[in-house]
Amino acid sequence: MQTLNTQFEHELKKLIDAEVKRLRDVLGAGKLKDIADYRDYCGQIAGVERVLAYCDEVNTLLAKRT
């Protein structure tokens, strides 16, 4: 049985993955106005992916404490 924290992490990662996919779909559609829009979307993807990395870092820190 999953703990509430494990369920939370799983659902958060699913939402983050969905957002990255959405942002990449926008990039792939080729409908951005200019390079500034492109950079903005790339920055958003990088930021959202960094949140996934933070999740993994937190898991590593917690594992060391137990």
Foldseek 3Di string as FASTA:
>chain_A
DDDPVVVVLVVLVVVLVVVLVVLVVVVVVPPDDDVVSVVVSVVVNVVSVVVVVVSVVVVVVVVVVD
